């Protein structure tokens, strides 16, 4: 839902769908969020295919912690703002 809301926000400011899509895929926070959406399920699938099975609550918790990358888009936004303010 967060990514759709970001697109709707950019669509309102860009004025057209094409410009909104370009803005979405050039915005560092949106791009990071999109990468997280793709990477987490792929990594969990790879772990399952390699034989990982969370058979205990500790392993389930470890898997959940490893897959929780919700902190990454705000971090990228903060870093990009820091870089922008230094220029």
C-alpha atoms as a PDB file:
ATOM      1  CA  UNK A   1       0.000   0.000   0.000  1.00  0.00           C
ATOM      2  CA  UNK A   2       2.845   2.394   0.824  1.00  0.00           C
ATOM      3  CA  UNK A   3       4.285   2.151  -2.689  1.00  0.00           C
ATOM      4  CA  UNK A   4       0.895   2.809  -4.280  1.00  0.00           C
ATOM      5  CA  UNK A   5       0.437   5.855  -2.052  1.00  0.00           C
ATOM      6  CA  UNK A   6       3.863   7.115  -3.125  1.00  0.00           C
ATOM      7  CA  UNK A   7       2.898   6.732  -6.773  1.00  0.00           C
ATOM      8  CA  UNK A   8      -0.402   8.546  -6.212  1.00  0.00           C
ATOM      9  CA  UNK A   9       1.503  11.366  -4.521  1.00  0.00           C
ATOM     10  CA  UNK A  10       3.972  11.611  -7.398  1.00  0.00           C
ATOM     11  CA  UNK A  11       1.141  11.382  -9.941  1.00  0.00           C
ATOM     12  CA  UNK A  12      -0.527  14.391  -8.365  1.00  0.00           C
ATOM     13  CA  UNK A  13       2.646  16.447  -8.577  1.00  0.00           C
ATOM     14  CA  UNK A  14       3.856  15.248 -11.987  1.00  0.00           C
ATOM     15  CA  UNK A  15       0.598  15.863 -13.826  1.00  0.00           C
ATOM     16  CA  UNK A  16       0.870  12.845 -16.137  1.00  0.00           C
ATOM     17  CA  UNK A  17       1.278   9.116 -15.777  1.00  0.00           C
ATOM     18  CA  UNK A  18       4.522   8.950 -17.760  1.00  0.00           C
ATOM     19  CA  UNK A  19       6.210  11.639 -15.690  1.00  0.00           C
ATOM     20  CA  UNK A  20       4.939  10.017 -12.493  1.00  0.00           C
ATOM     21  CA  UNK A  21       6.429   6.635 -13.455  1.00  0.00           C
ATOM     22  CA  UNK A  22       9.760   8.292 -14.333  1.00  0.00           C
ATOM     23  CA  UNK A  23       9.718  10.191 -11.048  1.00  0.00           C
ATOM     24  CA  UNK A  24       8.891   6.988  -9.153  1.00  0.00           C
ATOM     25  CA  UNK A  25      11.824   5.074 -10.621  1.00  0.00           C
ATOM     26  CA  UNK A  26      14.286   7.936 -10.165  1.00  0.00           C
ATOM     27  CA  UNK A  27      13.264   8.782  -6.591  1.00  0.00           C
ATOM     28  CA  UNK A  28      15.754   7.011  -4.278  1.00  0.00           C
ATOM     29  CA  UNK A  29      13.219   6.176  -1.554  1.00  0.00           C
ATOM     30  CA  UNK A  30      10.642   4.771  -3.988  1.00  0.00           C
ATOM     31  CA  UNK A  31      13.300   2.793  -5.831  1.00  0.00           C
ATOM     32  CA  UNK A  32      14.597   1.333  -2.571  1.00  0.00           C
ATOM     33  CA  UNK A  33      11.087   0.384  -1.501  1.00  0.00           C
ATOM     34  CA  UNK A  34      10.499  -1.300  -4.860  1.00  0.00           C
ATOM     35  CA  UNK A  35      13.760  -3.234  -4.477  1.00  0.00           C
ATOM     36  CA  UNK A  36      12.721  -4.358  -0.979  1.00  0.00           C
ATOM     37  CA  UNK A  37       9.357  -5.531  -2.329  1.00  0.00           C
ATOM     38  CA  UNK A  38      11.178  -7.680  -4.885  1.00  0.00           C
ATOM     39  CA  UNK A  39      14.144  -8.789  -2.791  1.00  0.00           C
ATOM     40  CA  UNK A  40      12.435 -10.064   0.359  1.00  0.00           C
ATOM     41  CA  UNK A  41      10.179 -12.669  -1.283  1.00  0.00           C
ATOM     42  CA  UNK A  42      13.026 -13.747  -3.582  1.00  0.00           C
ATOM     43  CA  UNK A  43      15.368 -14.193  -0.611  1.00  0.00           C
ATOM     44  CA  UNK A  44      12.765 -16.126   1.373  1.00  0.00           C
ATOM     45  CA  UNK A  45      12.112 -18.384  -1.627  1.00  0.00           C
ATOM     46  CA  UNK A  46      15.843 -18.952  -2.078  1.00  0.00           C
ATOM     47  CA  UNK A  47      16.194 -19.844   1.597  1.00  0.00           C
ATOM     48  CA  UNK A  48      13.366 -22.375   1.294  1.00  0.00           C
ATOM     49  CA  UNK A  49      14.838 -23.877  -1.873  1.00  0.00           C
ATOM     50  CA  UNK A  50      18.199 -24.218  -0.137  1.00  0.00           C
ATOM     51  CA  UNK A  51      16.544 -26.188   2.637  1.00  0.00           C
ATOM     52  CA  UNK A  52      15.982 -23.631   5.383  1.00  0.00           C
ATOM     53  CA  UNK A  53      12.885 -24.375   7.378  1.00  0.00           C
ATOM     54  CA  UNK A  54      12.078 -22.405  10.516  1.00  0.00           C
ATOM     55  CA  UNK A  55      11.265 -25.368  12.738  1.00  0.00           C
ATOM     56  CA  UNK A  56      11.501 -23.454  16.012  1.00  0.00           C
ATOM     57  CA  UNK A  57      10.184 -20.120  17.195  1.00  0.00           C
ATOM     58  CA  UNK A  58      13.737 -18.794  17.393  1.00  0.00           C
ATOM     59  CA  UNK A  59      14.354 -19.587  13.716  1.00  0.00           C
ATOM     60  CA  UNK A  60      10.992 -18.089  12.760  1.00  0.00           C
ATOM     61  CA  UNK A  61      11.882 -14.920  14.672  1.00  0.00           C
ATOM     62  CA  UNK A  62      15.321 -14.805  13.018  1.00  0.00           C
ATOM     63  CA  UNK A  63      13.724 -15.164   9.583  1.00  0.00           C
ATOM     64  CA  UNK A  64      11.240 -12.388  10.353  1.00  0.00           C
ATOM     65  CA  UNK A  65      13.969 -10.060  11.590  1.00  0.00           C
ATOM     66  CA  UNK A  66      16.096 -10.756   8.509  1.00  0.00           C
ATOM     67  CA  UNK A  67      13.156 -10.081   6.176  1.00  0.00           C
ATOM     68  CA  UNK A  68      12.122  -6.851   7.906  1.00  0.00           C
ATOM     69  CA  UNK A  69      13.758  -4.243   5.719  1.00  0.00           C
ATOM     70  CA  UNK A  70      11.202  -1.487   6.332  1.00  0.00           C
ATOM     71  CA  UNK A  71      13.980   0.694   7.739  1.00  0.00           C
ATOM     72  CA  UNK A  72      15.844   0.768   4.430  1.00  0.00           C
ATOM     73  CA  UNK A  73      13.761   3.344   2.436  1.00  0.00           C
ATOM     74  CA  UNK A  74      13.829   5.951   5.238  1.00  0.00           C
ATOM     75  CA  UNK A  75      17.574   5.417   5.615  1.00  0.00           C
ATOM     76  CA  UNK A  76      18.116   5.979   1.893  1.00  0.00           C
ATOM     77  CA  UNK A  77      15.941   9.102   2.091  1.00  0.00           C
ATOM     78  CA  UNK A  78      17.938  10.431   5.009  1.00  0.00           C
ATOM     79  CA  UNK A  79      21.258   9.739   3.247  1.00  0.00           C
ATOM     80  CA  UNK A  80      20.076  11.393   0.031  1.00  0.00           C
ATOM     81  CA  UNK A  81      18.912  14.457   1.984  1.00  0.00           C
ATOM     82  CA  UNK A  82      22.262  14.625   3.762  1.00  0.00           C
ATOM     83  CA  UNK A  83      24.092  14.435   0.416  1.00  0.00           C
ATOM     84  CA  UNK A  84      21.793  17.063  -1.107  1.00  0.00           C
ATOM     85  CA  UNK A  85      22.341  19.468   1.793  1.00  0.00           C
ATOM     86  CA  UNK A  86      26.131  19.142   1.477  1.00  0.00           C
ATOM     87  CA  UNK A  87      26.121  20.153  -2.195  1.00  0.00           C
END
